[in-house]
Amino acid sequence: MNSQFTATARIVAAALIVTVATQIIYITVSNMGGTPNRPVLWSTEVVAFIAMAIGGLALLPSRPVIGAGIAVGGMLNVIQASMGLVMFAPLTEAGEAMAPAFSAVLSMAFALFFAGKVAFGVAAIAAGRALWSGEAGFARIIGALAGLAGLAAVVLNALAIFPGTDLTFPAGGAGTAAALFLAMALTALRPVTAD
C-alpha cells in the first residue's frame, strides 16, 4: 500500500508540474508578444489532467479529500482544455455569425478552469494540513505553503466563477501556485486510512 501510494502521488505530482510549466510557458510567450503553440500546450495539459484524474481516484482510499480534489480538478480541466483544443479555432474561423457561440464556449471553458482550480485548492489545503500537523522541518514548511496557496486558489477562483468579475489572472496565478505546492506536498505525504 505504501509503495503504491508513493508511486501514484509522484505521478500526480509530475502531472501537476507539467501543467504549471505549460501555464508559465503560455503566459510568458503571450507577454513577450508571441503566439503560444496552443495545440501542443493544450494537448499536453489534457494528457496531464487525465493522469491527475485517475491518480486522484487512486489516492481516495488513503487520502480522501486530497484524492477527491485532484480527481475533480483533473476531470474538470480535461473538459476545459479539450474545449480550447477542439472548439476555439473552428468557432473563431467561422466568422462574426458564430461570435455569440464562441463567447458562450469561452465562458464555459473559463468556468470549468476556475472550478478545477478550486478543487486543486481544496486538495492543497488538505495536503498542507496533513503535513503541518503530522510532519516536521521542511515538510511542515511545504505544508504551510500548500495550505496558504490552496486557500488563495479557493477564494480567488470561487469568486472568478461569478460573471462580471475580472479575476482571471489573479485566480489563474493562485491556482498555478496551489498546483505547484500541492505537487511538492504530495512527494512528502504518507498514506493513512483517513484524511
C-alpha atoms as a PDB file:
ATOM      1  CA  MET A   1       0.000   0.000   0.000  1.00  0.00           C
ATOM      2  CA  ASN A   2       2.760   2.446   0.942  1.00  0.00           C
ATOM      3  CA  SER A   3       4.728   1.944  -2.281  1.00  0.00           C
ATOM      4  CA  GLN A   4       1.556   2.160  -4.392  1.00  0.00           C
ATOM      5  CA  PHE A   5       0.565   5.426  -2.670  1.00  0.00           C
ATOM      6  CA  THR A   6       4.059   6.864  -3.162  1.00  0.00           C
ATOM      7  CA  ALA A   7       4.179   5.906  -6.843  1.00  0.00           C
ATOM      8  CA  THR A   8       0.709   7.335  -7.505  1.00  0.00           C
ATOM      9  CA  ALA A   9       1.469  10.529  -5.576  1.00  0.00           C
ATOM     10  CA  ARG A  10       4.649  11.022  -7.614  1.00  0.00           C
ATOM     11  CA  ILE A  11       2.811  10.517 -10.909  1.00  0.00           C
ATOM     12  CA  VAL A  12       0.176  13.059  -9.877  1.00  0.00           C
ATOM     13  CA  ALA A  13       2.896  15.460  -8.691  1.00  0.00           C
ATOM     14  CA  ALA A  14       4.672  15.156 -12.049  1.00  0.00           C
ATOM     15  CA  ALA A  15       1.402  15.811 -13.895  1.00  0.00           C
ATOM     16  CA  LEU A  16       0.768  18.888 -11.744  1.00  0.00           C
ATOM     17  CA  ILE A  17       4.275  20.182 -12.511  1.00  0.00           C
ATOM     18  CA  VAL A  18       3.633  19.694 -16.235  1.00  0.00           C
ATOM     19  CA  THR A  19       0.545  21.912 -16.030  1.00  0.00           C
ATOM     20  CA  VAL A  20       2.431  24.522 -14.018  1.00  0.00           C
ATOM     21  CA  ALA A  21       5.091  24.554 -16.756  1.00  0.00           C
ATOM     22  CA  THR A  22       2.520  24.847 -19.560  1.00  0.00           C
ATOM     23  CA  GLN A  23       0.832  27.776 -17.789  1.00  0.00           C
ATOM     24  CA  ILE A  24       4.162  29.555 -17.330  1.00  0.00           C
ATOM     25  CA  ILE A  25       5.132  28.952 -20.974  1.00  0.00           C
ATOM     26  CA  TYR A  26       1.746  30.179 -22.225  1.00  0.00           C
ATOM     27  CA  ILE A  27       1.798  33.389 -20.176  1.00  0.00           C
ATOM     28  CA  THR A  28       5.485  34.105 -20.856  1.00  0.00           C
ATOM     29  CA  VAL A  29       5.189  33.682 -24.626  1.00  0.00           C
ATOM     30  CA  SER A  30       1.974  35.764 -24.690  1.00  0.00           C
ATOM     31  CA  ASN A  31       3.521  38.552 -22.614  1.00  0.00           C
ATOM     32  CA  MET A  32       6.540  38.671 -24.921  1.00  0.00           C
ATOM     33  CA  GLY A  33       4.244  39.317 -27.885  1.00  0.00           C
ATOM     34  CA  GLY A  34       4.481  35.809 -29.284  1.00  0.00           C
ATOM     35  CA  THR A  35       1.816  33.254 -30.057  1.00  0.00           C
ATOM     36  CA  PRO A  36       1.936  30.160 -27.851  1.00  0.00           C
ATOM     37  CA  ASN A  37       1.617  26.823 -29.607  1.00  0.00           C
ATOM     38  CA  ARG A  38      -1.853  26.188 -28.215  1.00  0.00           C
ATOM     39  CA  PRO A  39      -2.405  22.738 -29.766  1.00  0.00           C
ATOM     40  CA  VAL A  40       0.802  21.370 -28.238  1.00  0.00           C
ATOM     41  CA  LEU A  41       0.338  23.052 -24.861  1.00  0.00           C
ATOM     42  CA  TRP A  42      -3.344  22.173 -24.515  1.00  0.00           C
ATOM     43  CA  SER A  43      -2.841  18.581 -25.734  1.00  0.00           C
ATOM     44  CA  THR A  44      -0.077  18.178 -23.150  1.00  0.00           C
ATOM     45  CA  GLU A  45      -2.397  19.557 -20.482  1.00  0.00           C
ATOM     46  CA  VAL A  46      -5.228  17.187 -21.431  1.00  0.00           C
ATOM     47  CA  VAL A  47      -2.913  14.183 -21.010  1.00  0.00           C
ATOM     48  CA  ALA A  48      -1.593  15.541 -17.680  1.00  0.00           C
ATOM     49  CA  PHE A  49      -5.118  16.191 -16.398  1.00  0.00           C
ATOM     50  CA  ILE A  50      -6.159  12.634 -17.332  1.00  0.00           C
ATOM     51  CA  ALA A  51      -3.239  11.336 -15.253  1.00  0.00           C
ATOM     52  CA  MET A  52      -4.343  13.568 -12.360  1.00  0.00           C
ATOM     53  CA  ALA A  53      -7.953  12.431 -12.544  1.00  0.00           C
ATOM     54  CA  ILE A  54      -7.006   8.752 -12.479  1.00  0.00           C
ATOM     55  CA  GLY A  55      -4.309   9.307  -9.867  1.00  0.00           C
ATOM     56  CA  GLY A  56      -6.688  11.279  -7.666  1.00  0.00           C
ATOM     57  CA  LEU A  57      -9.187   8.438  -7.747  1.00  0.00           C
ATOM     58  CA  ALA A  58      -6.413   6.010  -6.787  1.00  0.00           C
ATOM     59  CA  LEU A  59      -5.499   8.217  -3.790  1.00  0.00           C
ATOM     60  CA  LEU A  60      -9.071   8.246  -2.432  1.00  0.00           C
ATOM     61  CA  PRO A  61      -8.746   5.263  -0.044  1.00  0.00           C
ATOM     62  CA  SER A  62      -5.723   6.700   1.724  1.00  0.00           C
ATOM     63  CA  ARG A  63      -6.257  10.475   1.419  1.00  0.00           C
ATOM     64  CA  PRO A  64      -9.938  11.041   0.530  1.00  0.00           C
ATOM     65  CA  VAL A  65     -10.092  14.860   0.427  1.00  0.00           C
ATOM     66  CA  ILE A  66      -6.776  15.170  -1.396  1.00  0.00           C
ATOM     67  CA  GLY A  67      -7.696  12.426  -3.853  1.00  0.00           C
ATOM     68  CA  ALA A  68     -11.166  13.866  -4.467  1.00  0.00           C
ATOM     69  CA  GLY A  69      -9.819  17.374  -5.061  1.00  0.00           C
ATOM     70  CA  ILE A  70      -7.233  16.112  -7.528  1.00  0.00           C
ATOM     71  CA  ALA A  71      -9.699  13.819  -9.326  1.00  0.00           C
ATOM     72  CA  VAL A  72     -12.401  16.501  -9.655  1.00  0.00           C
ATOM     73  CA  GLY A  73      -9.866  19.157 -10.695  1.00  0.00           C
ATOM     74  CA  GLY A  74      -8.356  16.798 -13.248  1.00  0.00           C
ATOM     75  CA  MET A  75     -11.716  15.843 -14.754  1.00  0.00           C
ATOM     76  CA  LEU A  76     -12.970  19.427 -14.995  1.00  0.00           C
ATOM     77  CA  ASN A  77      -9.733  20.536 -16.616  1.00  0.00           C
ATOM     78  CA  VAL A  78      -9.743  17.657 -19.116  1.00  0.00           C
ATOM     79  CA  ILE A  79     -13.054  19.048 -20.373  1.00  0.00           C
ATOM     80  CA  GLN A  80     -11.884  22.679 -20.206  1.00  0.00           C
ATOM     81  CA  ALA A  81      -8.595  22.132 -22.040  1.00  0.00           C
ATOM     82  CA  SER A  82     -10.308  19.887 -24.606  1.00  0.00           C
ATOM     83  CA  MET A  83     -12.828  22.637 -25.350  1.00  0.00           C
ATOM     84  CA  GLY A  84      -9.968  25.008 -26.134  1.00  0.00           C
ATOM     85  CA  LEU A  85      -8.196  22.383 -28.177  1.00  0.00           C
ATOM     86  CA  VAL A  86     -11.082  21.384 -30.448  1.00  0.00           C
ATOM     87  CA  MET A  87     -13.658  24.204 -30.306  1.00  0.00           C
ATOM     88  CA  PHE A  88     -11.894  27.570 -30.166  1.00  0.00           C
ATOM     89  CA  ALA A  89     -10.288  27.575 -33.619  1.00  0.00           C
ATOM     90  CA  PRO A  90     -13.353  26.427 -35.612  1.00  0.00           C
ATOM     91  CA  LEU A  91     -15.600  28.926 -33.841  1.00  0.00           C
ATOM     92  CA  THR A  92     -13.239  31.869 -34.369  1.00  0.00           C
ATOM     93  CA  GLU A  93     -12.698  30.910 -38.012  1.00  0.00           C
ATOM     94  CA  ALA A  94     -16.467  30.700 -38.595  1.00  0.00           C
ATOM     95  CA  GLY A  95     -16.725  34.489 -38.553  1.00  0.00           C
ATOM     96  CA  GLU A  96     -18.901  37.087 -36.897  1.00  0.00           C
ATOM     97  CA  ALA A  97     -22.058  34.997 -37.090  1.00  0.00           C
ATOM     98  CA  MET A  98     -20.551  32.498 -34.663  1.00  0.00           C
ATOM     99  CA  ALA A  99     -19.209  35.125 -32.241  1.00  0.00           C
ATOM    100  CA  PRO A 100     -22.016  34.561 -29.684  1.00  0.00           C
ATOM    101  CA  ALA A 101     -21.399  30.802 -29.754  1.00  0.00           C
ATOM    102  CA  PHE A 102     -17.659  31.320 -29.301  1.00  0.00           C
ATOM    103  CA  SER A 103     -18.312  33.698 -26.411  1.00  0.00           C
ATOM    104  CA  ALA A 104     -20.500  31.085 -24.703  1.00  0.00           C
ATOM    105  CA  VAL A 105     -17.941  28.312 -25.218  1.00  0.00           C
ATOM    106  CA  LEU A 106     -15.128  30.543 -23.949  1.00  0.00           C
ATOM    107  CA  SER A 107     -17.143  31.493 -20.858  1.00  0.00           C
ATOM    108  CA  MET A 108     -17.892  27.837 -20.129  1.00  0.00           C
ATOM    109  CA  ALA A 109     -14.231  26.916 -20.537  1.00  0.00           C
ATOM    110  CA  PHE A 110     -13.237  29.592 -18.024  1.00  0.00           C
ATOM    111  CA  ALA A 111     -15.953  28.479 -15.583  1.00  0.00           C
ATOM    112  CA  LEU A 112     -14.544  24.933 -15.738  1.00  0.00           C
ATOM    113  CA  PHE A 113     -10.981  26.296 -15.417  1.00  0.00           C
ATOM    114  CA  PHE A 114     -11.880  28.207 -12.247  1.00  0.00           C
ATOM    115  CA  ALA A 115     -13.876  25.296 -10.796  1.00  0.00           C
ATOM    116  CA  GLY A 116     -10.954  22.959 -11.389  1.00  0.00           C
ATOM    117  CA  LYS A 117      -8.603  25.353  -9.611  1.00  0.00           C
ATOM    118  CA  VAL A 118     -10.998  25.456  -6.636  1.00  0.00           C
ATOM    119  CA  ALA A 119     -10.787  21.657  -6.462  1.00  0.00           C
ATOM    120  CA  PHE A 120      -6.973  21.718  -6.632  1.00  0.00           C
ATOM    121  CA  GLY A 121      -7.013  24.410  -3.939  1.00  0.00           C
ATOM    122  CA  VAL A 122      -9.065  22.163  -1.666  1.00  0.00           C
ATOM    123  CA  ALA A 123      -6.578  19.337  -2.243  1.00  0.00           C
ATOM    124  CA  ALA A 124      -3.680  21.696  -1.473  1.00  0.00           C
ATOM    125  CA  ILE A 125      -5.337  22.814   1.770  1.00  0.00           C
ATOM    126  CA  ALA A 126      -5.888  19.190   2.829  1.00  0.00           C
ATOM    127  CA  ALA A 127      -2.316  18.236   1.925  1.00  0.00           C
ATOM    128  CA  GLY A 128      -0.976  21.286   3.714  1.00  0.00           C
ATOM    129  CA  ARG A 129      -2.969  20.496   6.831  1.00  0.00           C
ATOM    130  CA  ALA A 130      -1.759  16.890   6.814  1.00  0.00           C
ATOM    131  CA  LEU A 131       1.880  17.958   6.537  1.00  0.00           C
ATOM    132  CA  TRP A 132       1.548  20.784   9.052  1.00  0.00           C
ATOM    133  CA  SER A 133       0.020  18.532  11.705  1.00  0.00           C
ATOM    134  CA  GLY A 134       1.940  15.330  11.017  1.00  0.00           C
ATOM    135  CA  GLU A 135       5.441  16.294   9.931  1.00  0.00           C
ATOM    136  CA  ALA A 136       8.364  18.468  10.984  1.00  0.00           C
ATOM    137  CA  GLY A 137      11.044  20.580   9.338  1.00  0.00           C
ATOM    138  CA  PHE A 138      10.941  21.232   5.604  1.00  0.00           C
ATOM    139  CA  ALA A 139       7.815  19.092   5.068  1.00  0.00           C
ATOM    140  CA  ARG A 140       5.939  21.275   7.548  1.00  0.00           C
ATOM    141  CA  ILE A 141       7.020  24.424   5.665  1.00  0.00           C
ATOM    142  CA  ILE A 142       5.805  22.890   2.391  1.00  0.00           C
ATOM    143  CA  GLY A 143       2.540  22.100   4.167  1.00  0.00           C
ATOM    144  CA  ALA A 144       2.126  25.718   5.247  1.00  0.00           C
ATOM    145  CA  LEU A 145       2.847  26.987   1.737  1.00  0.00           C
ATOM    146  CA  ALA A 146       0.465  24.443   0.179  1.00  0.00           C
ATOM    147  CA  GLY A 147      -2.281  25.381   2.625  1.00  0.00           C
ATOM    148  CA  LEU A 148      -1.905  29.118   2.048  1.00  0.00           C
ATOM    149  CA  ALA A 149      -1.673  28.772  -1.741  1.00  0.00           C
ATOM    150  CA  GLY A 150      -4.666  26.432  -1.683  1.00  0.00           C
ATOM    151  CA  LEU A 151      -6.719  28.897   0.340  1.00  0.00           C
ATOM    152  CA  ALA A 152      -5.867  31.720  -2.084  1.00  0.00           C
ATOM    153  CA  ALA A 153      -6.788  29.471  -5.029  1.00  0.00           C
ATOM    154  CA  VAL A 154     -10.129  28.507  -3.497  1.00  0.00           C
ATOM    155  CA  VAL A 155     -11.131  32.080  -2.681  1.00  0.00           C
ATOM    156  CA  LEU A 156      -9.973  33.762  -5.907  1.00  0.00           C
ATOM    157  CA  ASN A 157     -11.218  31.038  -8.252  1.00  0.00           C
ATOM    158  CA  ALA A 158     -14.578  30.735  -6.490  1.00  0.00           C
ATOM    159  CA  LEU A 159     -15.022  34.491  -6.897  1.00  0.00           C
ATOM    160  CA  ALA A 160     -13.865  34.343 -10.528  1.00  0.00           C
ATOM    161  CA  ILE A 161     -16.686  31.924 -11.353  1.00  0.00           C
ATOM    162  CA  PHE A 162     -19.222  34.724 -10.845  1.00  0.00           C
ATOM    163  CA  PRO A 163     -19.962  36.577 -14.109  1.00  0.00           C
ATOM    164  CA  GLY A 164     -18.576  40.085 -14.387  1.00  0.00           C
ATOM    165  CA  THR A 165     -15.586  39.601 -12.120  1.00  0.00           C
ATOM    166  CA  ASP A 166     -12.189  40.372 -13.600  1.00  0.00           C
ATOM    167  CA  LEU A 167     -10.035  37.943 -11.639  1.00  0.00           C
ATOM    168  CA  THR A 168      -8.743  35.743 -14.452  1.00  0.00           C
ATOM    169  CA  PHE A 169      -5.044  36.459 -13.913  1.00  0.00           C
ATOM    170  CA  PRO A 170      -5.027  36.527 -10.086  1.00  0.00           C
ATOM    171  CA  ALA A 171      -7.203  33.395  -9.951  1.00  0.00           C
ATOM    172  CA  GLY A 172      -5.064  31.602 -12.541  1.00  0.00           C
ATOM    173  CA  GLY A 173      -1.870  32.624 -10.736  1.00  0.00           C
ATOM    174  CA  ALA A 174      -3.210  31.417  -7.390  1.00  0.00           C
ATOM    175  CA  GLY A 175      -4.328  28.146  -8.968  1.00  0.00           C
ATOM    176  CA  THR A 176      -0.908  27.641 -10.524  1.00  0.00           C
ATOM    177  CA  ALA A 177       0.811  28.314  -7.185  1.00  0.00           C
ATOM    178  CA  ALA A 178      -1.551  25.871  -5.444  1.00  0.00           C
ATOM    179  CA  ALA A 179      -0.766  23.221  -8.067  1.00  0.00           C
ATOM    180  CA  LEU A 180       2.975  23.726  -7.559  1.00  0.00           C
ATOM    181  CA  PHE A 181       2.830  23.452  -3.764  1.00  0.00           C
ATOM    182  CA  LEU A 182       0.343  20.575  -3.962  1.00  0.00           C
ATOM    183  CA  ALA A 183       2.852  18.726  -6.151  1.00  0.00           C
ATOM    184  CA  MET A 184       5.583  19.368  -3.594  1.00  0.00           C
ATOM    185  CA  ALA A 185       3.315  18.304  -0.732  1.00  0.00           C
ATOM    186  CA  LEU A 186       2.406  15.055  -2.485  1.00  0.00           C
ATOM    187  CA  THR A 187       6.030  13.978  -2.523  1.00  0.00           C
ATOM    188  CA  ALA A 188       6.224  14.415   1.266  1.00  0.00           C
ATOM    189  CA  LEU A 189       2.877  12.852   2.227  1.00  0.00           C
ATOM    190  CA  ARG A 190       2.476   9.381   3.664  1.00  0.00           C
ATOM    191  CA  PRO A 191      -0.595   7.200   3.234  1.00  0.00           C
ATOM    192  CA  VAL A 192      -3.153   6.977   6.001  1.00  0.00           C
ATOM    193  CA  THR A 193      -6.516   5.276   6.255  1.00  0.00           C
ATOM    194  CA  ALA A 194      -8.424   8.554   6.676  1.00  0.00           C
ATOM    195  CA  ASP A 195      -7.783  12.219   5.850  1.00  0.00           C
END
